[in-house]
PDB file of N, CA and C in Angstrom:
ATOM      1  N   UNK A   1     -50.359 -18.434 -11.558  1.00  0.00           N
ATOM      2  CA  UNK A   1     -49.078 -19.102 -11.365  1.00  0.00           C
ATOM      3  C   UNK A   1     -48.796 -18.735 -10.116  1.00  0.00           C
ATOM      4  N   UNK A   2     -47.501 -19.754 -10.300  1.00  0.00           N
ATOM      5  CA  UNK A   2     -47.164 -19.493  -8.664  1.00  0.00           C
ATOM      6  C   UNK A   2     -46.215 -18.564  -8.392  1.00  0.00           C
ATOM      7  N   UNK A   3     -46.269 -17.941  -6.635  1.00  0.00           N
ATOM      8  CA  UNK A   3     -45.666 -16.894  -7.309  1.00  0.00           C
ATOM      9  C   UNK A   3     -43.624 -16.815  -6.958  1.00  0.00           C
ATOM     10  N   UNK A   4     -43.855 -15.423  -7.650  1.00  0.00           N
ATOM     11  CA  UNK A   4     -42.593 -15.239  -7.801  1.00  0.00           C
ATOM     12  C   UNK A   4     -40.986 -15.145  -6.636  1.00  0.00           C
ATOM     13  N   UNK A   5     -40.404 -15.495  -7.149  1.00  0.00           N
ATOM     14  CA  UNK A   5     -39.751 -15.327  -6.323  1.00  0.00           C
ATOM     15  C   UNK A   5     -38.633 -14.145  -6.376  1.00  0.00           C
ATOM     16  N   UNK A   6     -38.354 -13.659  -4.977  1.00  0.00           N
ATOM     17  CA  UNK A   6     -37.734 -12.273  -5.362  1.00  0.00           C
ATOM     18  C   UNK A   6     -36.530 -12.517  -5.125  1.00  0.00           C
ATOM     19  N   UNK A   7     -35.806 -11.803  -5.860  1.00  0.00           N
ATOM     20  CA  UNK A   7     -33.991 -12.615  -5.474  1.00  0.00           C
ATOM     21  C   UNK A   7     -33.490 -11.304  -4.167  1.00  0.00           C
ATOM     22  N   UNK A   8     -32.828 -11.816  -3.826  1.00  0.00           N
ATOM     23  CA  UNK A   8     -32.145 -10.963  -2.595  1.00  0.00           C
ATOM     24  C   UNK A   8     -31.318 -10.072  -3.187  1.00  0.00           C
ATOM     25  N   UNK A   9     -31.209  -9.077  -2.651  1.00  0.00           N
ATOM     26  CA  UNK A   9     -30.278  -7.456  -3.290  1.00  0.00           C
ATOM     27  C   UNK A   9     -29.407  -7.833  -2.372  1.00  0.00           C
ATOM     28  N   UNK A  10     -28.050  -7.949  -2.818  1.00  0.00           N
ATOM     29  CA  UNK A  10     -26.842  -7.585  -2.222  1.00  0.00           C
ATOM     30  C   UNK A  10     -26.653  -6.616  -1.327  1.00  0.00           C
ATOM     31  N   UNK A  11     -26.243  -6.517  -0.438  1.00  0.00           N
ATOM     32  CA  UNK A  11     -25.846  -5.724   0.630  1.00  0.00           C
ATOM     33  C   UNK A  11     -24.537  -5.080  -0.470  1.00  0.00           C
ATOM     34  N   UNK A  12     -24.516  -3.773  -0.054  1.00  0.00           N
ATOM     35  CA  UNK A  12     -23.193  -3.512  -0.616  1.00  0.00           C
ATOM     36  C   UNK A  12     -21.730  -3.455   0.524  1.00  0.00           C
ATOM     37  N   UNK A  13     -20.822  -4.109   0.187  1.00  0.00           N
ATOM     38  CA  UNK A  13     -19.641  -4.015   0.817  1.00  0.00           C
ATOM     39  C   UNK A  13     -18.883  -2.342   1.734  1.00  0.00           C
ATOM     40  N   UNK A  14     -19.136  -2.095   3.021  1.00  0.00           N
ATOM     41  CA  UNK A  14     -18.947  -1.221   4.000  1.00  0.00           C
ATOM     42  C   UNK A  14     -17.061  -1.258   4.257  1.00  0.00           C
ATOM     43  N   UNK A  15     -16.805  -2.242   3.921  1.00  0.00           N
ATOM     44  CA  UNK A  15     -15.384  -2.288   3.677  1.00  0.00           C
ATOM     45  C   UNK A  15     -14.536  -3.329   2.965  1.00  0.00           C
ATOM     46  N   UNK A  16     -12.636  -3.028   2.164  1.00  0.00           N
ATOM     47  CA  UNK A  16     -12.717  -3.827   1.176  1.00  0.00           C
ATOM     48  C   UNK A  16     -10.913  -3.428   1.018  1.00  0.00           C
ATOM     49  N   UNK A  17     -10.516  -4.241   0.531  1.00  0.00           N
ATOM     50  CA  UNK A  17      -8.757  -4.378   0.837  1.00  0.00           C
ATOM     51  C   UNK A  17      -8.328  -2.780   0.025  1.00  0.00           C
ATOM     52  N   UNK A  18      -9.496  -2.566  -1.341  1.00  0.00           N
ATOM     53  CA  UNK A  18      -8.811  -1.411  -2.353  1.00  0.00           C
ATOM     54  C   UNK A  18      -9.080  -0.148  -0.823  1.00  0.00           C
ATOM     55  N   UNK A  19     -10.249  -0.105  -0.467  1.00  0.00           N
ATOM     56  CA  UNK A  19     -10.843   0.933   0.346  1.00  0.00           C
ATOM     57  C   UNK A  19      -9.859   1.527   1.739  1.00  0.00           C
ATOM     58  N   UNK A  20      -9.184   0.428   2.309  1.00  0.00           N
ATOM     59  CA  UNK A  20      -7.986   0.536   2.797  1.00  0.00           C
ATOM     60  C   UNK A  20      -7.368   0.991   2.399  1.00  0.00           C
ATOM     61  N   UNK A  21      -6.757   0.853   1.319  1.00  0.00           N
ATOM     62  CA  UNK A  21      -5.456   1.035   0.553  1.00  0.00           C
ATOM     63  C   UNK A  21      -5.651   2.777   0.253  1.00  0.00           C
ATOM     64  N   UNK A  22      -6.855   2.764   0.028  1.00  0.00           N
ATOM     65  CA  UNK A  22      -6.979   4.441  -0.945  1.00  0.00           C
ATOM     66  C   UNK A  22      -6.870   4.947   0.875  1.00  0.00           C
ATOM     67  N   UNK A  23      -7.394   4.613   1.671  1.00  0.00           N
ATOM     68  CA  UNK A  23      -7.105   5.798   2.935  1.00  0.00           C
ATOM     69  C   UNK A  23      -5.812   5.615   3.512  1.00  0.00           C
ATOM     70  N   UNK A  24      -4.559   4.487   2.782  1.00  0.00           N
ATOM     71  CA  UNK A  24      -3.448   4.767   3.421  1.00  0.00           C
ATOM     72  C   UNK A  24      -3.202   5.518   2.584  1.00  0.00           C
ATOM     73  N   UNK A  25      -3.348   5.890   1.293  1.00  0.00           N
ATOM     74  CA  UNK A  25      -2.654   6.757   0.410  1.00  0.00           C
ATOM     75  C   UNK A  25      -2.757   7.813   0.577  1.00  0.00           C
ATOM     76  N   UNK A  26      -3.844   8.485   0.749  1.00  0.00           N
ATOM     77  CA  UNK A  26      -4.588   9.503   1.302  1.00  0.00           C
ATOM     78  C   UNK A  26      -3.931   9.956   2.291  1.00  0.00           C
ATOM     79  N   UNK A  27      -3.720   9.142   3.476  1.00  0.00           N
ATOM     80  CA  UNK A  27      -2.265   9.842   4.456  1.00  0.00           C
ATOM     81  C   UNK A  27      -0.755  10.121   4.177  1.00  0.00           C
ATOM     82  N   UNK A  28      -0.389   8.894   3.033  1.00  0.00           N
ATOM     83  CA  UNK A  28       0.847   9.139   2.537  1.00  0.00           C
ATOM     84  C   UNK A  28       0.883  10.310   2.073  1.00  0.00           C
ATOM     85  N   UNK A  29      -0.217  10.582   1.120  1.00  0.00           N
ATOM     86  CA  UNK A  29       0.379  12.026   0.505  1.00  0.00           C
ATOM     87  C   UNK A  29       0.032  12.662   1.438  1.00  0.00           C
ATOM     88  N   UNK A  30      -1.196  13.235   2.659  1.00  0.00           N
ATOM     89  CA  UNK A  30      -0.800  14.008   3.250  1.00  0.00           C
ATOM     90  C   UNK A  30       0.397  14.063   3.756  1.00  0.00           C
ATOM     91  N   UNK A  31       0.704  13.079   4.726  1.00  0.00           N
ATOM     92  CA  UNK A  31       2.058  13.345   5.666  1.00  0.00           C
ATOM     93  C   UNK A  31       3.663  14.228   4.713  1.00  0.00           C
ATOM     94  N   UNK A  32       3.507  13.526   3.413  1.00  0.00           N
ATOM     95  CA  UNK A  32       4.460  13.795   2.335  1.00  0.00           C
ATOM     96  C   UNK A  32       4.442  15.311   1.774  1.00  0.00           C
ATOM     97  N   UNK A  33       3.263  16.430   2.144  1.00  0.00           N
ATOM     98  CA  UNK A  33       2.544  17.480   1.607  1.00  0.00           C
ATOM     99  C   UNK A  33       3.328  18.222   2.556  1.00  0.00           C
ATOM    100  N   UNK A  34       2.492  17.865   4.279  1.00  0.00           N
ATOM    101  CA  UNK A  34       3.169  18.402   5.265  1.00  0.00           C
ATOM    102  C   UNK A  34       4.391  18.665   5.571  1.00  0.00           C
ATOM    103  N   UNK A  35       5.219  17.780   5.171  1.00  0.00           N
ATOM    104  CA  UNK A  35       6.988  17.897   5.073  1.00  0.00           C
ATOM    105  C   UNK A  35       7.456  18.226   4.226  1.00  0.00           C
ATOM    106  N   UNK A  36       7.380  18.769   2.781  1.00  0.00           N
ATOM    107  CA  UNK A  36       7.150  19.285   1.511  1.00  0.00           C
ATOM    108  C   UNK A  36       6.934  21.148   2.259  1.00  0.00           C
ATOM    109  N   UNK A  37       6.002  21.350   2.969  1.00  0.00           N
ATOM    110  CA  UNK A  37       5.747  22.608   2.911  1.00  0.00           C
ATOM    111  C   UNK A  37       6.355  23.185   4.264  1.00  0.00           C
ATOM    112  N   UNK A  38       7.249  21.849   5.208  1.00  0.00           N
ATOM    113  CA  UNK A  38       7.993  22.702   6.469  1.00  0.00           C
ATOM    114  C   UNK A  38       9.116  23.079   5.506  1.00  0.00           C
ATOM    115  N   UNK A  39       9.289  22.464   4.482  1.00  0.00           N
ATOM    116  CA  UNK A  39      11.113  22.012   4.000  1.00  0.00           C
ATOM    117  C   UNK A  39      10.904  23.239   3.341  1.00  0.00           C
ATOM    118  N   UNK A  40       9.973  23.691   3.259  1.00  0.00           N
ATOM    119  CA  UNK A  40      10.386  25.011   1.723  1.00  0.00           C
ATOM    120  C   UNK A  40       9.983  25.827   2.955  1.00  0.00           C
ATOM    121  N   UNK A  41       8.850  26.164   4.388  1.00  0.00           N
ATOM    122  CA  UNK A  41       8.502  27.244   4.700  1.00  0.00           C
ATOM    123  C   UNK A  41      10.069  27.490   5.886  1.00  0.00           C
ATOM    124  N   UNK A  42      10.993  26.766   6.365  1.00  0.00           N
ATOM    125  CA  UNK A  42      12.368  26.576   6.694  1.00  0.00           C
ATOM    126  C   UNK A  42      13.311  26.362   6.000  1.00  0.00           C
ATOM    127  N   UNK A  43      13.657  27.237   5.209  1.00  0.00           N
ATOM    128  CA  UNK A  43      15.026  26.016   4.170  1.00  0.00           C
ATOM    129  C   UNK A  43      15.917  26.182   4.668  1.00  0.00           C
ATOM    130  N   UNK A  44      16.327  26.898   5.209  1.00  0.00           N
ATOM    131  CA  UNK A  44      17.610  27.005   5.812  1.00  0.00           C
ATOM    132  C   UNK A  44      18.257  26.140   7.526  1.00  0.00           C
ATOM    133  N   UNK A  45      17.151  25.874   7.837  1.00  0.00           N
ATOM    134  CA  UNK A  45      16.901  25.435   9.429  1.00  0.00           C
ATOM    135  C   UNK A  45      15.957  23.961   8.984  1.00  0.00           C
ATOM    136  N   UNK A  46      15.706  23.536   8.559  1.00  0.00           N
ATOM    137  CA  UNK A  46      14.941  22.016   8.679  1.00  0.00           C
ATOM    138  C   UNK A  46      14.764  21.232   9.577  1.00  0.00           C
ATOM    139  N   UNK A  47      13.458  21.289   9.968  1.00  0.00           N
ATOM    140  CA  UNK A  47      13.247  21.052  11.345  1.00  0.00           C
ATOM    141  C   UNK A  47      13.347  19.757  11.323  1.00  0.00           C
ATOM    142  N   UNK A  48      13.254  18.852  13.174  1.00  0.00           N
ATOM    143  CA  UNK A  48      13.122  17.412  12.872  1.00  0.00           C
ATOM    144  C   UNK A  48      11.287  16.536  12.750  1.00  0.00           C
ATOM    145  N   UNK A  49      10.644  18.522  12.287  1.00  0.00           N
ATOM    146  CA  UNK A  49       9.186  17.824  12.659  1.00  0.00           C
ATOM    147  C   UNK A  49       9.196  17.450  11.202  1.00  0.00           C
ATOM    148  N   UNK A  50       9.711  17.853  10.028  1.00  0.00           N
ATOM    149  CA  UNK A  50       9.500  17.805   8.348  1.00  0.00           C
ATOM    150  C   UNK A  50      10.293  16.795   8.072  1.00  0.00           C
ATOM    151  N   UNK A  51      11.267  16.414   9.236  1.00  0.00           N
ATOM    152  CA  UNK A  51      11.926  14.918   8.815  1.00  0.00           C
ATOM    153  C   UNK A  51      10.994  13.574   9.304  1.00  0.00           C
ATOM    154  N   UNK A  52      10.315  14.228  10.374  1.00  0.00           N
ATOM    155  CA  UNK A  52       9.623  13.016  10.350  1.00  0.00           C
ATOM    156  C   UNK A  52       8.311  12.566   9.871  1.00  0.00           C
ATOM    157  N   UNK A  53       7.478  13.750   9.616  1.00  0.00           N
ATOM    158  CA  UNK A  53       6.369  13.819   8.461  1.00  0.00           C
ATOM    159  C   UNK A  53       6.956  12.894   7.334  1.00  0.00           C
ATOM    160  N   UNK A  54       8.108  13.217   6.244  1.00  0.00           N
ATOM    161  CA  UNK A  54       8.816  12.955   5.369  1.00  0.00           C
ATOM    162  C   UNK A  54       8.691  11.532   5.816  1.00  0.00           C
ATOM    163  N   UNK A  55       9.389  10.574   6.685  1.00  0.00           N
ATOM    164  CA  UNK A  55       9.591   9.023   6.996  1.00  0.00           C
ATOM    165  C   UNK A  55       8.066   8.422   7.000  1.00  0.00           C
ATOM    166  N   UNK A  56       7.030   9.403   8.160  1.00  0.00           N
ATOM    167  CA  UNK A  56       6.300   8.411   8.492  1.00  0.00           C
ATOM    168  C   UNK A  56       4.926   8.479   6.297  1.00  0.00           C
ATOM    169  N   UNK A  57       5.269   9.391   5.662  1.00  0.00           N
ATOM    170  CA  UNK A  57       4.621   9.381   4.271  1.00  0.00           C
ATOM    171  C   UNK A  57       5.779   8.362   3.668  1.00  0.00           C
ATOM    172  N   UNK A  58       7.039   8.320   4.227  1.00  0.00           N
ATOM    173  CA  UNK A  58       7.635   7.036   2.865  1.00  0.00           C
ATOM    174  C   UNK A  58       7.179   6.253   3.085  1.00  0.00           C
ATOM    175  N   UNK A  59       7.100   5.596   4.723  1.00  0.00           N
ATOM    176  CA  UNK A  59       6.831   4.364   5.260  1.00  0.00           C
ATOM    177  C   UNK A  59       5.548   4.364   4.750  1.00  0.00           C
ATOM    178  N   UNK A  60       4.724   4.625   4.729  1.00  0.00           N
ATOM    179  CA  UNK A  60       3.004   4.098   4.107  1.00  0.00           C
ATOM    180  C   UNK A  60       3.601   4.176   2.608  1.00  0.00           C
ATOM    181  N   UNK A  61       3.985   4.919   2.121  1.00  0.00           N
ATOM    182  CA  UNK A  61       3.905   4.517   0.639  1.00  0.00           C
ATOM    183  C   UNK A  61       4.682   3.107   0.435  1.00  0.00           C
ATOM    184  N   UNK A  62       5.648   2.979   1.014  1.00  0.00           N
ATOM    185  CA  UNK A  62       6.229   1.372   0.714  1.00  0.00           C
ATOM    186  C   UNK A  62       5.033   0.682   1.077  1.00  0.00           C
ATOM    187  N   UNK A  63       4.446   1.022   1.890  1.00  0.00           N
ATOM    188  CA  UNK A  63       2.856  -0.189   2.398  1.00  0.00           C
ATOM    189  C   UNK A  63       2.068  -0.292   1.283  1.00  0.00           C
ATOM    190  N   UNK A  64       2.293   0.593   0.973  1.00  0.00           N
ATOM    191  CA  UNK A  64       0.982   0.713  -0.375  1.00  0.00           C
ATOM    192  C   UNK A  64       1.651  -0.145  -1.534  1.00  0.00           C
ATOM    193  N   UNK A  65       3.055  -0.078  -1.790  1.00  0.00           N
ATOM    194  CA  UNK A  65       3.577  -0.454  -3.082  1.00  0.00           C
ATOM    195  C   UNK A  65       3.728  -1.933  -3.044  1.00  0.00           C
ATOM    196  N   UNK A  66       4.359  -2.432  -1.576  1.00  0.00           N
ATOM    197  CA  UNK A  66       4.187  -3.454  -1.035  1.00  0.00           C
ATOM    198  C   UNK A  66       3.041  -4.941  -1.088  1.00  0.00           C
ATOM    199  N   UNK A  67       1.528  -3.575  -0.472  1.00  0.00           N
ATOM    200  CA  UNK A  67       0.765  -4.171  -0.813  1.00  0.00           C
ATOM    201  C   UNK A  67       0.084  -4.952  -2.116  1.00  0.00           C
ATOM    202  N   UNK A  68       0.494  -3.761  -2.833  1.00  0.00           N
ATOM    203  CA  UNK A  68      -0.220  -3.270  -4.346  1.00  0.00           C
ATOM    204  C   UNK A  68       0.515  -4.703  -5.195  1.00  0.00           C
ATOM    205  N   UNK A  69       1.759  -4.848  -5.177  1.00  0.00           N
ATOM    206  CA  UNK A  69       2.386  -5.817  -5.817  1.00  0.00           C
ATOM    207  C   UNK A  69       2.340  -7.124  -5.420  1.00  0.00           C
ATOM    208  N   UNK A  70       1.993  -7.142  -4.261  1.00  0.00           N
ATOM    209  CA  UNK A  70       1.163  -9.023  -3.747  1.00  0.00           C
ATOM    210  C   UNK A  70       0.170  -8.862  -4.440  1.00  0.00           C
ATOM    211  N   UNK A  71      -0.797  -8.403  -4.462  1.00  0.00           N
ATOM    212  CA  UNK A  71      -2.192  -8.064  -5.080  1.00  0.00           C
ATOM    213  C   UNK A  71      -2.011  -8.866  -6.486  1.00  0.00           C
ATOM    214  N   UNK A  72      -0.939  -7.694  -7.100  1.00  0.00           N
ATOM    215  CA  UNK A  72      -1.021  -7.848  -8.537  1.00  0.00           C
ATOM    216  C   UNK A  72       0.091  -9.549  -8.682  1.00  0.00           C
ATOM    217  N   UNK A  73       1.019  -9.741  -7.949  1.00  0.00           N
ATOM    218  CA  UNK A  73       1.876 -11.345  -7.702  1.00  0.00           C
ATOM    219  C   UNK A  73       0.589 -12.023  -7.135  1.00  0.00           C
ATOM    220  N   UNK A  74       0.093 -12.275  -7.223  1.00  0.00           N
ATOM    221  CA  UNK A  74      -1.409 -12.833  -6.739  1.00  0.00           C
ATOM    222  C   UNK A  74      -2.479 -13.987  -7.374  1.00  0.00           C
ATOM    223  N   UNK A  75      -2.661 -12.042  -8.372  1.00  0.00           N
ATOM    224  CA  UNK A  75      -3.538 -12.894  -9.652  1.00  0.00           C
ATOM    225  C   UNK A  75      -3.191 -14.188 -10.065  1.00  0.00           C
ATOM    226  N   UNK A  76      -4.584 -14.782 -10.622  1.00  0.00           N
ATOM    227  CA  UNK A  76      -4.239 -15.955 -11.347  1.00  0.00           C
ATOM    228  C   UNK A  76      -3.969 -15.451 -12.870  1.00  0.00           C
ATOM    229  N   UNK A  77      -3.049 -16.284 -13.181  1.00  0.00           N
ATOM    230  CA  UNK A  77      -2.414 -16.233 -13.906  1.00  0.00           C
ATOM    231  C   UNK A  77      -3.371 -17.598 -15.408  1.00  0.00           C
ATOM    232  N   UNK A  78      -3.789 -17.504 -16.313  1.00  0.00           N
ATOM    233  CA  UNK A  78      -4.639 -18.864 -17.077  1.00  0.00           C
ATOM    234  C   UNK A  78      -5.186 -19.994 -15.902  1.00  0.00           C
ATOM    235  N   UNK A  79      -4.871 -20.785 -15.952  1.00  0.00           N
ATOM    236  CA  UNK A  79      -5.304 -22.340 -15.733  1.00  0.00           C
ATOM    237  C   UNK A  79      -5.138 -22.308 -14.407  1.00  0.00           C
ATOM    238  N   UNK A  80      -3.996 -21.406 -12.921  1.00  0.00           N
ATOM    239  CA  UNK A  80      -3.953 -21.826 -11.702  1.00  0.00           C
ATOM    240  C   UNK A  80      -2.775 -21.437 -11.641  1.00  0.00           C
ATOM    241  N   UNK A  81      -1.553 -22.108 -10.587  1.00  0.00           N
ATOM    242  CA  UNK A  81      -0.238 -21.875 -10.368  1.00  0.00           C
ATOM    243  C   UNK A  81       0.101 -22.691 -11.143  1.00  0.00           C
ATOM    244  N   UNK A  82       1.131 -22.370 -11.505  1.00  0.00           N
ATOM    245  CA  UNK A  82       2.130 -22.778 -12.586  1.00  0.00           C
ATOM    246  C   UNK A  82       3.901 -22.497 -12.385  1.00  0.00           C
ATOM    247  N   UNK A  83       4.787 -23.282 -12.744  1.00  0.00           N
ATOM    248  CA  UNK A  83       6.163 -22.927 -12.494  1.00  0.00           C
ATOM    249  C   UNK A  83       6.426 -21.390 -12.587  1.00  0.00           C
ATOM    250  N   UNK A  84       5.690 -20.720 -13.421  1.00  0.00           N
ATOM    251  CA  UNK A  84       6.470 -19.573 -13.262  1.00  0.00           C
ATOM    252  C   UNK A  84       5.767 -18.043 -12.353  1.00  0.00           C
ATOM    253  N   UNK A  85       4.438 -18.963 -11.739  1.00  0.00           N
ATOM    254  CA  UNK A  85       4.010 -18.266 -11.183  1.00  0.00           C
ATOM    255  C   UNK A  85       4.518 -18.375  -9.858  1.00  0.00           C
ATOM    256  N   UNK A  86       5.227 -18.919  -9.461  1.00  0.00           N
ATOM    257  CA  UNK A  86       5.520 -19.275  -8.229  1.00  0.00           C
ATOM    258  C   UNK A  86       6.841 -18.171  -8.225  1.00  0.00           C
ATOM    259  N   UNK A  87       7.480 -18.598  -9.296  1.00  0.00           N
ATOM    260  CA  UNK A  87       9.258 -17.060  -9.152  1.00  0.00           C
ATOM    261  C   UNK A  87       8.553 -15.891  -9.436  1.00  0.00           C
ATOM    262  N   UNK A  88       7.200 -15.230  -9.477  1.00  0.00           N
ATOM    263  CA  UNK A  88       6.507 -14.157  -9.136  1.00  0.00           C
ATOM    264  C   UNK A  88       6.670 -13.946  -7.866  1.00  0.00           C
ATOM    265  N   UNK A  89       6.392 -15.034  -7.441  1.00  0.00           N
ATOM    266  CA  UNK A  89       6.015 -14.756  -5.614  1.00  0.00           C
ATOM    267  C   UNK A  89       7.387 -14.419  -5.165  1.00  0.00           C
ATOM    268  N   UNK A  90       8.073 -16.035  -5.864  1.00  0.00           N
ATOM    269  CA  UNK A  90       9.286 -15.419  -4.507  1.00  0.00           C
ATOM    270  C   UNK A  90      10.076 -14.304  -5.003  1.00  0.00           C
ATOM    271  N   UNK A  91      10.273 -13.628  -6.152  1.00  0.00           N
ATOM    272  CA  UNK A  91      11.215 -12.500  -6.292  1.00  0.00           C
ATOM    273  C   UNK A  91      10.383 -11.537  -5.598  1.00  0.00           C
ATOM    274  N   UNK A  92       9.129 -11.320  -5.133  1.00  0.00           N
ATOM    275  CA  UNK A  92       8.364 -10.229  -4.614  1.00  0.00           C
ATOM    276  C   UNK A  92       8.301 -10.985  -2.790  1.00  0.00           C
ATOM    277  N   UNK A  93       9.096 -11.831  -2.715  1.00  0.00           N
ATOM    278  CA  UNK A  93       9.038 -11.924  -1.169  1.00  0.00           C
ATOM    279  C   UNK A  93      10.651 -11.259  -0.894  1.00  0.00           C
ATOM    280  N   UNK A  94      11.316 -11.961  -2.216  1.00  0.00           N
ATOM    281  CA  UNK A  94      12.744 -10.989  -1.792  1.00  0.00           C
ATOM    282  C   UNK A  94      12.691 -10.137  -1.573  1.00  0.00           C
ATOM    283  N   UNK A  95      12.018  -8.983  -2.863  1.00  0.00           N
ATOM    284  CA  UNK A  95      12.114  -7.810  -2.320  1.00  0.00           C
ATOM    285  C   UNK A  95      11.334  -7.346  -1.473  1.00  0.00           C
ATOM    286  N   UNK A  96      10.771  -7.826  -0.724  1.00  0.00           N
ATOM    287  CA  UNK A  96       9.761  -7.247   0.440  1.00  0.00           C
ATOM    288  C   UNK A  96      10.536  -7.429   1.366  1.00  0.00           C
ATOM    289  N   UNK A  97      11.334  -8.567   1.789  1.00  0.00           N
ATOM    290  CA  UNK A  97      12.396  -8.201   2.933  1.00  0.00           C
ATOM    291  C   UNK A  97      13.407  -7.633   3.092  1.00  0.00           C
ATOM    292  N   UNK A  98      14.208  -7.292   1.762  1.00  0.00           N
ATOM    293  CA  UNK A  98      15.441  -6.275   1.461  1.00  0.00           C
ATOM    294  C   UNK A  98      14.638  -4.948   2.009  1.00  0.00           C
ATOM    295  N   UNK A  99      13.234  -4.718   1.365  1.00  0.00           N
ATOM    296  CA  UNK A  99      12.866  -3.206   1.581  1.00  0.00           C
ATOM    297  C   UNK A  99      12.647  -2.917   3.003  1.00  0.00           C
ATOM    298  N   UNK A 100      12.113  -4.310   3.858  1.00  0.00           N
ATOM    299  CA  UNK A 100      11.792  -3.737   5.173  1.00  0.00           C
ATOM    300  C   UNK A 100      13.256  -3.940   6.309  1.00  0.00           C
ATOM    301  N   UNK A 101      13.567  -4.958   5.420  1.00  0.00           N
ATOM    302  CA  UNK A 101      15.543  -5.092   6.570  1.00  0.00           C
ATOM    303  C   UNK A 101      16.322  -3.584   6.110  1.00  0.00           C
ATOM    304  N   UNK A 102      16.538  -3.293   5.282  1.00  0.00           N
ATOM    305  CA  UNK A 102      17.239  -2.069   4.910  1.00  0.00           C
ATOM    306  C   UNK A 102      16.286  -0.914   5.305  1.00  0.00           C
ATOM    307  N   UNK A 103      15.246  -0.763   5.200  1.00  0.00           N
ATOM    308  CA  UNK A 103      14.235   0.619   5.816  1.00  0.00           C
ATOM    309  C   UNK A 103      14.620   0.244   7.592  1.00  0.00           C
ATOM    310  N   UNK A 104      14.142  -0.799   8.091  1.00  0.00           N
ATOM    311  CA  UNK A 104      14.476  -0.535   9.112  1.00  0.00           C
ATOM    312  C   UNK A 104      16.057  -0.019   9.945  1.00  0.00           C
ATOM    313  N   UNK A 105      16.847  -1.075   9.332  1.00  0.00           N
ATOM    314  CA  UNK A 105      18.848  -0.666   9.302  1.00  0.00           C
ATOM    315  C   UNK A 105      18.730   1.261   9.620  1.00  0.00           C
ATOM    316  N   UNK A 106      17.731   2.009   8.156  1.00  0.00           N
ATOM    317  CA  UNK A 106      18.104   3.413   7.911  1.00  0.00           C
ATOM    318  C   UNK A 106      17.820   3.911   9.322  1.00  0.00           C
ATOM    319  N   UNK A 107      16.734   3.662   9.983  1.00  0.00           N
ATOM    320  CA  UNK A 107      16.382   4.364  11.036  1.00  0.00           C
ATOM    321  C   UNK A 107      16.911   4.070  12.065  1.00  0.00           C
ATOM    322  N   UNK A 108      17.224   3.392  12.395  1.00  0.00           N
ATOM    323  CA  UNK A 108      18.030   2.739  13.827  1.00  0.00           C
ATOM    324  C   UNK A 108      19.361   3.246  13.425  1.00  0.00           C
TER     325      UNK A 108
END
């Protein structure tokens, strides 16, 4: 018989968007935990360091939420794009812009 063709094994991915989101989520949790520890340790005088860690954790949490919302919005429903799907994307864009603008004005 003829030689059997060997199937090439797929190399495992070393990078993916879910791995990046998992990493960002991990650091967001760490920053929020550190901020809460500082607030608990210094109840009367909350240091600015605790506020800084809380802001970083909050910002990372917003980024994760925005990205996951985008992936959910871009998910194909049915046979492809239709009028309903585009409205989901438009609503996501409006909400994302509102969050970013208000967050920037809150920091300034």
